[in-house]
Amino acid sequence: MKTIGLFSIMLSVATCHQDVFCKPRKAEVASSLSNKQRLNLQQRSPGAGDIVGPVIPRGGAGKSNASALLEKRKLEPGQYSIGKALEFHKAAWLPVSLAFSYYYNNFGYRACLMTALFGGYGINWVLKSHTFFDKNFYNDEMFIGPLSSVVVNMLLLSMFFFYPYLAAKNTDPISPLAVMSSVLLFSLGTFLHYGADAQKHYTLKFKGPGLITDGFFARLRSPSYLGENLIFAAYTVVAGMKS
């Protein structure tokens, strides 16, 4: 169905540890200095001969600047983030899909497969939001606003509910080839989408901001978006082409 294809096309449409400065061979020099001189030496800005490197903070000495960048921002009253709204939206994917099947009294293989894939994606998103979430959705001013703007965005994203709606209305039996291809597309898409998001999150957390050129990003610049498109391609196959 052309409508489903349009939805798939529309889809396309730093935390690291605090850097501290290691000063080689100053321990021997400092042993012969006064306490005041040692303090001045420790507080001195790094020179050309100093080695700069990341060191993981110990104990409760305080959070690193980089770690703070990956935390969810505390918002002012009346302000809401798209990230939090997406958590509620994705959590609704499984019950919404079940509701369509119940309403149209269709619990056949097609509708049940759509419910599993569609609801599974929503559950994975909620779990991701509490482990390796996208900080931009929670911290970027672009994704923060009053409740009205968040509601409008959620209504626009609700167009994806057409997938379980179409699957529930389609009473034609789903072919084994469609089952095989949809599960394959969904599995590969999930691997790319969540795997790349996890790599990006933890790379920023432990190495800091910068261009990621290994792992998922060695051959692809946007593996997460490719994964999402594969996932929605799977939904397109399951929904079927019945007019």
C-alpha atoms as a PDB file:
ATOM      1  CA  MET A   1       0.000   0.000   0.000  1.00  0.00           C
ATOM      2  CA  LYS A   2       1.309   3.420  -0.958  1.00  0.00           C
ATOM      3  CA  THR A   3       0.431   4.811   2.464  1.00  0.00           C
ATOM      4  CA  ILE A   4       2.683   2.324   4.226  1.00  0.00           C
ATOM      5  CA  GLY A   5       5.552   3.098   1.899  1.00  0.00           C
ATOM      6  CA  LEU A   6       5.155   6.781   2.676  1.00  0.00           C
ATOM      7  CA  PHE A   7       5.459   6.086   6.392  1.00  0.00           C
ATOM      8  CA  SER A   8       8.696   4.186   5.831  1.00  0.00           C
ATOM      9  CA  ILE A   9      10.144   7.038   3.784  1.00  0.00           C
ATOM     10  CA  MET A  10       9.227   9.607   6.444  1.00  0.00           C
ATOM     11  CA  LEU A  11      11.356   7.697   8.906  1.00  0.00           C
ATOM     12  CA  SER A  12      14.508   8.743   7.113  1.00  0.00           C
ATOM     13  CA  VAL A  13      13.123  12.193   7.175  1.00  0.00           C
ATOM     14  CA  ALA A  14      29.370  14.183  26.054  1.00  0.00           C
ATOM     15  CA  THR A  15      29.694  11.745  28.338  1.00  0.00           C
ATOM     16  CA  CYS A  16      33.279  10.844  29.066  1.00  0.00           C
ATOM     17  CA  HIS A  17      35.364  10.878  32.195  1.00  0.00           C
ATOM     18  CA  GLN A  18      36.821  14.196  33.332  1.00  0.00           C
ATOM     19  CA  ASP A  19      40.257  14.914  31.933  1.00  0.00           C
ATOM     20  CA  VAL A  20      42.946  15.479  34.509  1.00  0.00           C
ATOM     21  CA  PHE A  21      46.540  16.299  33.833  1.00  0.00           C
ATOM     22  CA  CYS A  22      49.276  13.810  34.648  1.00  0.00           C
ATOM     23  CA  LYS A  23      52.611  15.410  35.313  1.00  0.00           C
ATOM     24  CA  PRO A  24      55.456  12.865  34.962  1.00  0.00           C
ATOM     25  CA  ARG A  25      58.460  12.994  37.229  1.00  0.00           C
ATOM     26  CA  LYS A  26      57.027  15.806  39.350  1.00  0.00           C
ATOM     27  CA  ALA A  27      56.606  13.458  42.318  1.00  0.00           C
ATOM     28  CA  GLU A  28      60.358  13.314  42.824  1.00  0.00           C
ATOM     29  CA  VAL A  29      60.716  17.090  42.470  1.00  0.00           C
ATOM     30  CA  ALA A  30      57.812  17.844  44.791  1.00  0.00           C
ATOM     31  CA  SER A  31      59.319  15.800  47.616  1.00  0.00           C
ATOM     32  CA  SER A  32      61.942  18.495  48.183  1.00  0.00           C
ATOM     33  CA  LEU A  33      59.494  21.418  47.991  1.00  0.00           C
ATOM     34  CA  SER A  34      57.413  23.114  50.640  1.00  0.00           C
ATOM     35  CA  ASN A  35      53.690  22.460  50.945  1.00  0.00           C
ATOM     36  CA  LYS A  36      52.918  25.809  49.333  1.00  0.00           C
ATOM     37  CA  GLN A  37      55.252  25.074  46.429  1.00  0.00           C
ATOM     38  CA  ARG A  38      53.690  21.641  45.956  1.00  0.00           C
ATOM     39  CA  LEU A  39      50.221  23.202  45.842  1.00  0.00           C
ATOM     40  CA  ASN A  40      51.324  25.732  43.234  1.00  0.00           C
ATOM     41  CA  LEU A  41      52.883  22.944  41.187  1.00  0.00           C
ATOM     42  CA  GLN A  42      49.711  20.849  41.299  1.00  0.00           C
ATOM     43  CA  GLN A  43      47.512  23.770  40.279  1.00  0.00           C
ATOM     44  CA  ARG A  44      49.755  24.895  37.417  1.00  0.00           C
ATOM     45  CA  SER A  45      48.349  24.715  33.892  1.00  0.00           C
ATOM     46  CA  PRO A  46      49.860  21.916  31.798  1.00  0.00           C
ATOM     47  CA  GLY A  47      52.909  22.737  29.765  1.00  0.00           C
ATOM     48  CA  ALA A  48      54.188  21.454  26.468  1.00  0.00           C
ATOM     49  CA  GLY A  49      55.997  18.556  28.118  1.00  0.00           C
ATOM     50  CA  ASP A  50      53.037  17.380  30.165  1.00  0.00           C
ATOM     51  CA  ILE A  51      51.065  14.286  29.247  1.00  0.00           C
ATOM     52  CA  VAL A  52      47.318  14.744  29.066  1.00  0.00           C
ATOM     53  CA  GLY A  53      45.016  11.771  29.530  1.00  0.00           C
ATOM     54  CA  PRO A  54      41.656  10.711  30.946  1.00  0.00           C
ATOM     55  CA  VAL A  55      41.533   9.331  34.460  1.00  0.00           C
ATOM     56  CA  ILE A  56      38.452   7.724  35.974  1.00  0.00           C
ATOM     57  CA  PRO A  57      37.410   9.543  39.165  1.00  0.00           C
ATOM     58  CA  ARG A  58      37.645   7.448  42.315  1.00  0.00           C
ATOM     59  CA  GLY A  59      35.121   6.998  45.081  1.00  0.00           C
ATOM     60  CA  GLY A  60      32.734   9.848  45.747  1.00  0.00           C
ATOM     61  CA  ALA A  61      35.086  12.625  44.731  1.00  0.00           C
ATOM     62  CA  GLY A  62      32.373  14.067  42.529  1.00  0.00           C
ATOM     63  CA  LYS A  63      30.919  13.579  39.104  1.00  0.00           C
ATOM     64  CA  SER A  64      32.970  14.334  36.061  1.00  0.00           C
ATOM     65  CA  ASN A  65      31.910  17.086  33.700  1.00  0.00           C
ATOM     66  CA  ALA A  66      31.494  14.528  30.944  1.00  0.00           C
ATOM     67  CA  SER A  67      29.293  12.259  33.051  1.00  0.00           C
ATOM     68  CA  ALA A  68      27.022  15.193  33.790  1.00  0.00           C
ATOM     69  CA  LEU A  69      26.501  15.665  30.052  1.00  0.00           C
ATOM     70  CA  LEU A  70      24.873  12.235  29.793  1.00  0.00           C
ATOM     71  CA  GLU A  71      22.418  12.797  32.616  1.00  0.00           C
ATOM     72  CA  LYS A  72      18.799  13.658  31.937  1.00  0.00           C
ATOM     73  CA  ARG A  73      18.277  17.345  32.444  1.00  0.00           C
ATOM     74  CA  LYS A  74      16.005  18.570  35.228  1.00  0.00           C
ATOM     75  CA  LEU A  75      13.368  20.775  33.645  1.00  0.00           C
ATOM     76  CA  GLU A  76      11.535  23.790  34.942  1.00  0.00           C
ATOM     77  CA  PRO A  77       7.833  23.404  35.861  1.00  0.00           C
ATOM     78  CA  GLY A  78       5.700  23.448  32.730  1.00  0.00           C
ATOM     79  CA  GLN A  79       8.556  22.238  30.512  1.00  0.00           C
ATOM     80  CA  TYR A  80       8.621  18.746  29.026  1.00  0.00           C
ATOM     81  CA  SER A  81      11.154  16.814  26.968  1.00  0.00           C
ATOM     82  CA  ILE A  82      10.400  14.790  23.875  1.00  0.00           C
ATOM     83  CA  GLY A  83      12.504  12.014  25.396  1.00  0.00           C
ATOM     84  CA  LYS A  84      10.140  11.492  28.321  1.00  0.00           C
ATOM     85  CA  ALA A  85       7.098  11.811  26.057  1.00  0.00           C
ATOM     86  CA  LEU A  86       8.555   9.170  23.738  1.00  0.00           C
ATOM     87  CA  GLU A  87       8.843   6.773  26.658  1.00  0.00           C
ATOM     88  CA  PHE A  88       5.089   6.972  27.249  1.00  0.00           C
ATOM     89  CA  HIS A  89       4.377   6.856  23.510  1.00  0.00           C
ATOM     90  CA  LYS A  90       6.488   3.752  22.898  1.00  0.00           C
ATOM     91  CA  ALA A  91       5.068   2.061  25.992  1.00  0.00           C
ATOM     92  CA  ALA A  92       1.646   2.354  24.342  1.00  0.00           C
ATOM     93  CA  TRP A  93       2.662   0.464  21.199  1.00  0.00           C
ATOM     94  CA  LEU A  94       1.926  -3.004  22.566  1.00  0.00           C
ATOM     95  CA  PRO A  95      -1.495  -2.209  24.104  1.00  0.00           C
ATOM     96  CA  VAL A  96      -2.519  -0.182  21.028  1.00  0.00           C
ATOM     97  CA  SER A  97      -1.672  -3.084  18.727  1.00  0.00           C
ATOM     98  CA  LEU A  98      -3.608  -5.483  20.953  1.00  0.00           C
ATOM     99  CA  ALA A  99      -6.533  -3.058  20.990  1.00  0.00           C
ATOM    100  CA  PHE A 100      -6.726  -3.051  17.186  1.00  0.00           C
ATOM    101  CA  SER A 101      -6.718  -6.853  17.118  1.00  0.00           C
ATOM    102  CA  TYR A 102      -9.468  -6.946  19.731  1.00  0.00           C
ATOM    103  CA  TYR A 103     -11.571  -4.306  17.979  1.00  0.00           C
ATOM    104  CA  TYR A 104     -11.418  -6.081  14.611  1.00  0.00           C
ATOM    105  CA  ASN A 105     -11.564  -9.516  16.243  1.00  0.00           C
ATOM    106  CA  ASN A 106      -8.438 -10.558  14.407  1.00  0.00           C
ATOM    107  CA  PHE A 107      -5.882 -12.627  16.283  1.00  0.00           C
ATOM    108  CA  GLY A 108      -4.572 -14.424  13.239  1.00  0.00           C
ATOM    109  CA  TYR A 109      -0.919 -14.970  12.419  1.00  0.00           C
ATOM    110  CA  ARG A 110      -0.542 -11.618  10.658  1.00  0.00           C
ATOM    111  CA  ALA A 111      -2.043  -9.536  13.459  1.00  0.00           C
ATOM    112  CA  CYS A 112      -0.194 -11.455  16.178  1.00  0.00           C
ATOM    113  CA  LEU A 113       3.133 -11.158  14.368  1.00  0.00           C
ATOM    114  CA  MET A 114       2.608  -7.416  14.001  1.00  0.00           C
ATOM    115  CA  THR A 115       1.753  -7.130  17.700  1.00  0.00           C
ATOM    116  CA  ALA A 116       4.936  -8.987  18.661  1.00  0.00           C
ATOM    117  CA  LEU A 117       7.230  -6.932  16.420  1.00  0.00           C
ATOM    118  CA  PHE A 118       5.502  -3.599  16.980  1.00  0.00           C
ATOM    119  CA  GLY A 119       5.124  -4.045  20.725  1.00  0.00           C
ATOM    120  CA  GLY A 120       8.634  -5.452  21.052  1.00  0.00           C
ATOM    121  CA  TYR A 121      10.113  -2.351  19.473  1.00  0.00           C
ATOM    122  CA  GLY A 122       8.225  -0.164  21.938  1.00  0.00           C
ATOM    123  CA  ILE A 123       9.410  -2.191  24.930  1.00  0.00           C
ATOM    124  CA  ASN A 124      13.004  -2.080  23.695  1.00  0.00           C
ATOM    125  CA  TRP A 125      12.775   1.697  23.367  1.00  0.00           C
ATOM    126  CA  VAL A 126      11.562   2.120  26.945  1.00  0.00           C
ATOM    127  CA  LEU A 127      14.361  -0.122  28.225  1.00  0.00           C
ATOM    128  CA  LYS A 128      16.898   1.823  26.176  1.00  0.00           C
ATOM    129  CA  SER A 129      15.593   5.086  27.604  1.00  0.00           C
ATOM    130  CA  HIS A 130      16.681   3.938  31.059  1.00  0.00           C
ATOM    131  CA  THR A 131      20.067   2.502  30.066  1.00  0.00           C
ATOM    132  CA  PHE A 132      21.730   4.099  27.022  1.00  0.00           C
ATOM    133  CA  PHE A 133      19.272   6.848  26.097  1.00  0.00           C
ATOM    134  CA  ASP A 134      19.787   9.590  23.506  1.00  0.00           C
ATOM    135  CA  LYS A 135      20.703  12.610  25.624  1.00  0.00           C
ATOM    136  CA  ASN A 136      19.563  15.058  22.938  1.00  0.00           C
ATOM    137  CA  PHE A 137      15.939  14.028  23.423  1.00  0.00           C
ATOM    138  CA  TYR A 138      16.185  14.981  27.096  1.00  0.00           C
ATOM    139  CA  ASN A 139      18.657  17.886  27.142  1.00  0.00           C
ATOM    140  CA  ASP A 140      18.572  19.718  23.806  1.00  0.00           C
ATOM    141  CA  GLU A 141      16.475  22.901  23.779  1.00  0.00           C
ATOM    142  CA  MET A 142      15.123  21.820  20.407  1.00  0.00           C
ATOM    143  CA  PHE A 143      13.323  18.885  22.061  1.00  0.00           C
ATOM    144  CA  ILE A 144      12.050  20.709  25.149  1.00  0.00           C
ATOM    145  CA  GLY A 145       8.889  22.785  25.305  1.00  0.00           C
ATOM    146  CA  PRO A 146       5.448  23.240  26.827  1.00  0.00           C
ATOM    147  CA  LEU A 147       2.971  20.393  27.091  1.00  0.00           C
ATOM    148  CA  SER A 148       1.071  21.570  24.008  1.00  0.00           C
ATOM    149  CA  SER A 149       4.083  21.200  21.705  1.00  0.00           C
ATOM    150  CA  VAL A 150       4.865  17.767  23.102  1.00  0.00           C
ATOM    151  CA  VAL A 151       1.268  16.638  22.536  1.00  0.00           C
ATOM    152  CA  VAL A 152       1.365  17.854  18.924  1.00  0.00           C
ATOM    153  CA  ASN A 153       4.571  15.922  18.289  1.00  0.00           C
ATOM    154  CA  MET A 154       3.128  12.780  19.848  1.00  0.00           C
ATOM    155  CA  LEU A 155       0.012  13.047  17.677  1.00  0.00           C
ATOM    156  CA  LEU A 156       2.187  13.306  14.573  1.00  0.00           C
ATOM    157  CA  LEU A 157       4.183  10.254  15.635  1.00  0.00           C
ATOM    158  CA  SER A 158       0.943   8.349  16.156  1.00  0.00           C
ATOM    159  CA  MET A 159       0.792   7.872  12.375  1.00  0.00           C
ATOM    160  CA  PHE A 160       2.898   4.769  13.033  1.00  0.00           C
ATOM    161  CA  PHE A 161      -0.171   3.190  14.612  1.00  0.00           C
ATOM    162  CA  PHE A 162      -1.408   2.663  11.055  1.00  0.00           C
ATOM    163  CA  TYR A 163       0.835  -0.418  10.893  1.00  0.00           C
ATOM    164  CA  PRO A 164      -1.040  -2.477  13.517  1.00  0.00           C
ATOM    165  CA  TYR A 165      -4.311  -0.953  12.286  1.00  0.00           C
ATOM    166  CA  LEU A 166      -3.709  -2.208   8.740  1.00  0.00           C
ATOM    167  CA  ALA A 167      -2.506  -5.599   9.956  1.00  0.00           C
ATOM    168  CA  ALA A 168      -5.608  -6.029  12.124  1.00  0.00           C
ATOM    169  CA  LYS A 169      -7.906  -5.147   9.194  1.00  0.00           C
ATOM    170  CA  ASN A 170      -6.090  -7.458   6.788  1.00  0.00           C
ATOM    171  CA  THR A 171      -7.686 -10.884   7.051  1.00  0.00           C
ATOM    172  CA  ASP A 172      -5.680 -12.431   4.219  1.00  0.00           C
ATOM    173  CA  PRO A 173      -3.371 -15.222   5.426  1.00  0.00           C
ATOM    174  CA  ILE A 174       0.258 -14.175   5.655  1.00  0.00           C
ATOM    175  CA  SER A 175       2.669 -16.221   3.563  1.00  0.00           C
ATOM    176  CA  PRO A 176       5.678 -18.080   5.017  1.00  0.00           C
ATOM    177  CA  LEU A 177       7.935 -15.912   2.840  1.00  0.00           C
ATOM    178  CA  ALA A 178       6.477 -12.751   4.382  1.00  0.00           C
ATOM    179  CA  VAL A 179       6.981 -14.151   7.884  1.00  0.00           C
ATOM    180  CA  MET A 180      10.568 -15.098   7.136  1.00  0.00           C
ATOM    181  CA  SER A 181      11.508 -11.796   5.506  1.00  0.00           C
ATOM    182  CA  SER A 182       9.803  -9.648   8.161  1.00  0.00           C
ATOM    183  CA  VAL A 183      11.527 -11.425  11.046  1.00  0.00           C
ATOM    184  CA  LEU A 184      14.857 -11.190   9.236  1.00  0.00           C
ATOM    185  CA  LEU A 185      14.440  -7.462   8.557  1.00  0.00           C
ATOM    186  CA  PHE A 186      13.301  -6.782  12.114  1.00  0.00           C
ATOM    187  CA  SER A 187      16.192  -8.738  13.647  1.00  0.00           C
ATOM    188  CA  LEU A 188      18.846  -7.000  11.549  1.00  0.00           C
ATOM    189  CA  GLY A 189      17.221  -3.623  12.109  1.00  0.00           C
ATOM    190  CA  THR A 190      17.063  -4.095  15.871  1.00  0.00           C
ATOM    191  CA  PHE A 191      20.714  -5.150  15.971  1.00  0.00           C
ATOM    192  CA  LEU A 192      21.841  -2.070  14.040  1.00  0.00           C
ATOM    193  CA  HIS A 193      19.534   0.409  15.763  1.00  0.00           C
ATOM    194  CA  TYR A 194      20.090  -0.472  19.403  1.00  0.00           C
ATOM    195  CA  GLY A 195      23.644  -1.706  18.985  1.00  0.00           C
ATOM    196  CA  ALA A 196      24.756   1.563  17.383  1.00  0.00           C
ATOM    197  CA  ASP A 197      22.912   3.619  19.996  1.00  0.00           C
ATOM    198  CA  ALA A 198      24.649   1.690  22.764  1.00  0.00           C
ATOM    199  CA  GLN A 199      28.072   2.147  21.153  1.00  0.00           C
ATOM    200  CA  LYS A 200      27.519   5.877  20.743  1.00  0.00           C
ATOM    201  CA  HIS A 201      26.324   6.306  24.330  1.00  0.00           C
ATOM    202  CA  TYR A 202      29.190   4.435  25.968  1.00  0.00           C
ATOM    203  CA  THR A 203      31.842   5.839  23.634  1.00  0.00           C
ATOM    204  CA  LEU A 204      30.790   9.344  24.638  1.00  0.00           C
ATOM    205  CA  LYS A 205      30.719   8.261  28.258  1.00  0.00           C
ATOM    206  CA  PHE A 206      34.208   6.795  28.444  1.00  0.00           C
ATOM    207  CA  LYS A 207      36.083   8.575  25.636  1.00  0.00           C
ATOM    208  CA  GLY A 208      34.332  11.901  25.301  1.00  0.00           C
ATOM    209  CA  PRO A 209      32.997  13.800  22.284  1.00  0.00           C
ATOM    210  CA  GLY A 210      34.496  13.088  18.892  1.00  0.00           C
ATOM    211  CA  LEU A 211      33.972  11.290  15.605  1.00  0.00           C
ATOM    212  CA  ILE A 212      33.300   7.577  16.099  1.00  0.00           C
ATOM    213  CA  THR A 213      35.040   5.565  13.387  1.00  0.00           C
ATOM    214  CA  ASP A 214      35.012   1.994  14.701  1.00  0.00           C
ATOM    215  CA  GLY A 215      32.418  -0.675  15.402  1.00  0.00           C
ATOM    216  CA  PHE A 216      29.049   0.052  13.796  1.00  0.00           C
ATOM    217  CA  PHE A 217      30.360   3.388  12.527  1.00  0.00           C
ATOM    218  CA  ALA A 218      33.369   1.949  10.673  1.00  0.00           C
ATOM    219  CA  ARG A 219      31.357   1.467   7.471  1.00  0.00           C
ATOM    220  CA  LEU A 220      28.133   3.391   8.182  1.00  0.00           C
ATOM    221  CA  ARG A 221      27.624   6.966   9.332  1.00  0.00           C
ATOM    222  CA  SER A 222      24.019   6.420  10.433  1.00  0.00           C
ATOM    223  CA  PRO A 223      23.602   2.758  11.438  1.00  0.00           C
ATOM    224  CA  SER A 224      20.774   3.617  13.850  1.00  0.00           C
ATOM    225  CA  TYR A 225      18.643   5.177  11.105  1.00  0.00           C
ATOM    226  CA  LEU A 226      19.353   2.285   8.771  1.00  0.00           C
ATOM    227  CA  GLY A 227      18.238  -0.077  11.515  1.00  0.00           C
ATOM    228  CA  GLU A 228      15.006   1.851  12.036  1.00  0.00           C
ATOM    229  CA  ASN A 229      14.215   1.751   8.326  1.00  0.00           C
ATOM    230  CA  LEU A 230      14.740  -2.018   8.286  1.00  0.00           C
ATOM    231  CA  ILE A 231      12.396  -2.359  11.270  1.00  0.00           C
ATOM    232  CA  PHE A 232       9.652  -0.381   9.558  1.00  0.00           C
ATOM    233  CA  ALA A 233      10.238  -2.278   6.338  1.00  0.00           C
ATOM    234  CA  ALA A 234       9.412  -5.403   8.356  1.00  0.00           C
ATOM    235  CA  TYR A 235       6.154  -3.780   9.489  1.00  0.00           C
ATOM    236  CA  THR A 236       5.328  -2.965   5.874  1.00  0.00           C
ATOM    237  CA  VAL A 237       5.753  -6.611   4.896  1.00  0.00           C
ATOM    238  CA  VAL A 238       3.576  -7.834   7.765  1.00  0.00           C
ATOM    239  CA  ALA A 239       0.823  -5.253   7.180  1.00  0.00           C
ATOM    240  CA  GLY A 240       0.469  -6.535   3.624  1.00  0.00           C
ATOM    241  CA  MET A 241      -0.565  -4.792   0.429  1.00  0.00           C
ATOM    242  CA  LYS A 242      -4.324  -5.339   0.678  1.00  0.00           C
ATOM    243  CA  SER A 243      -6.211  -2.237  -0.428  1.00  0.00           C
END
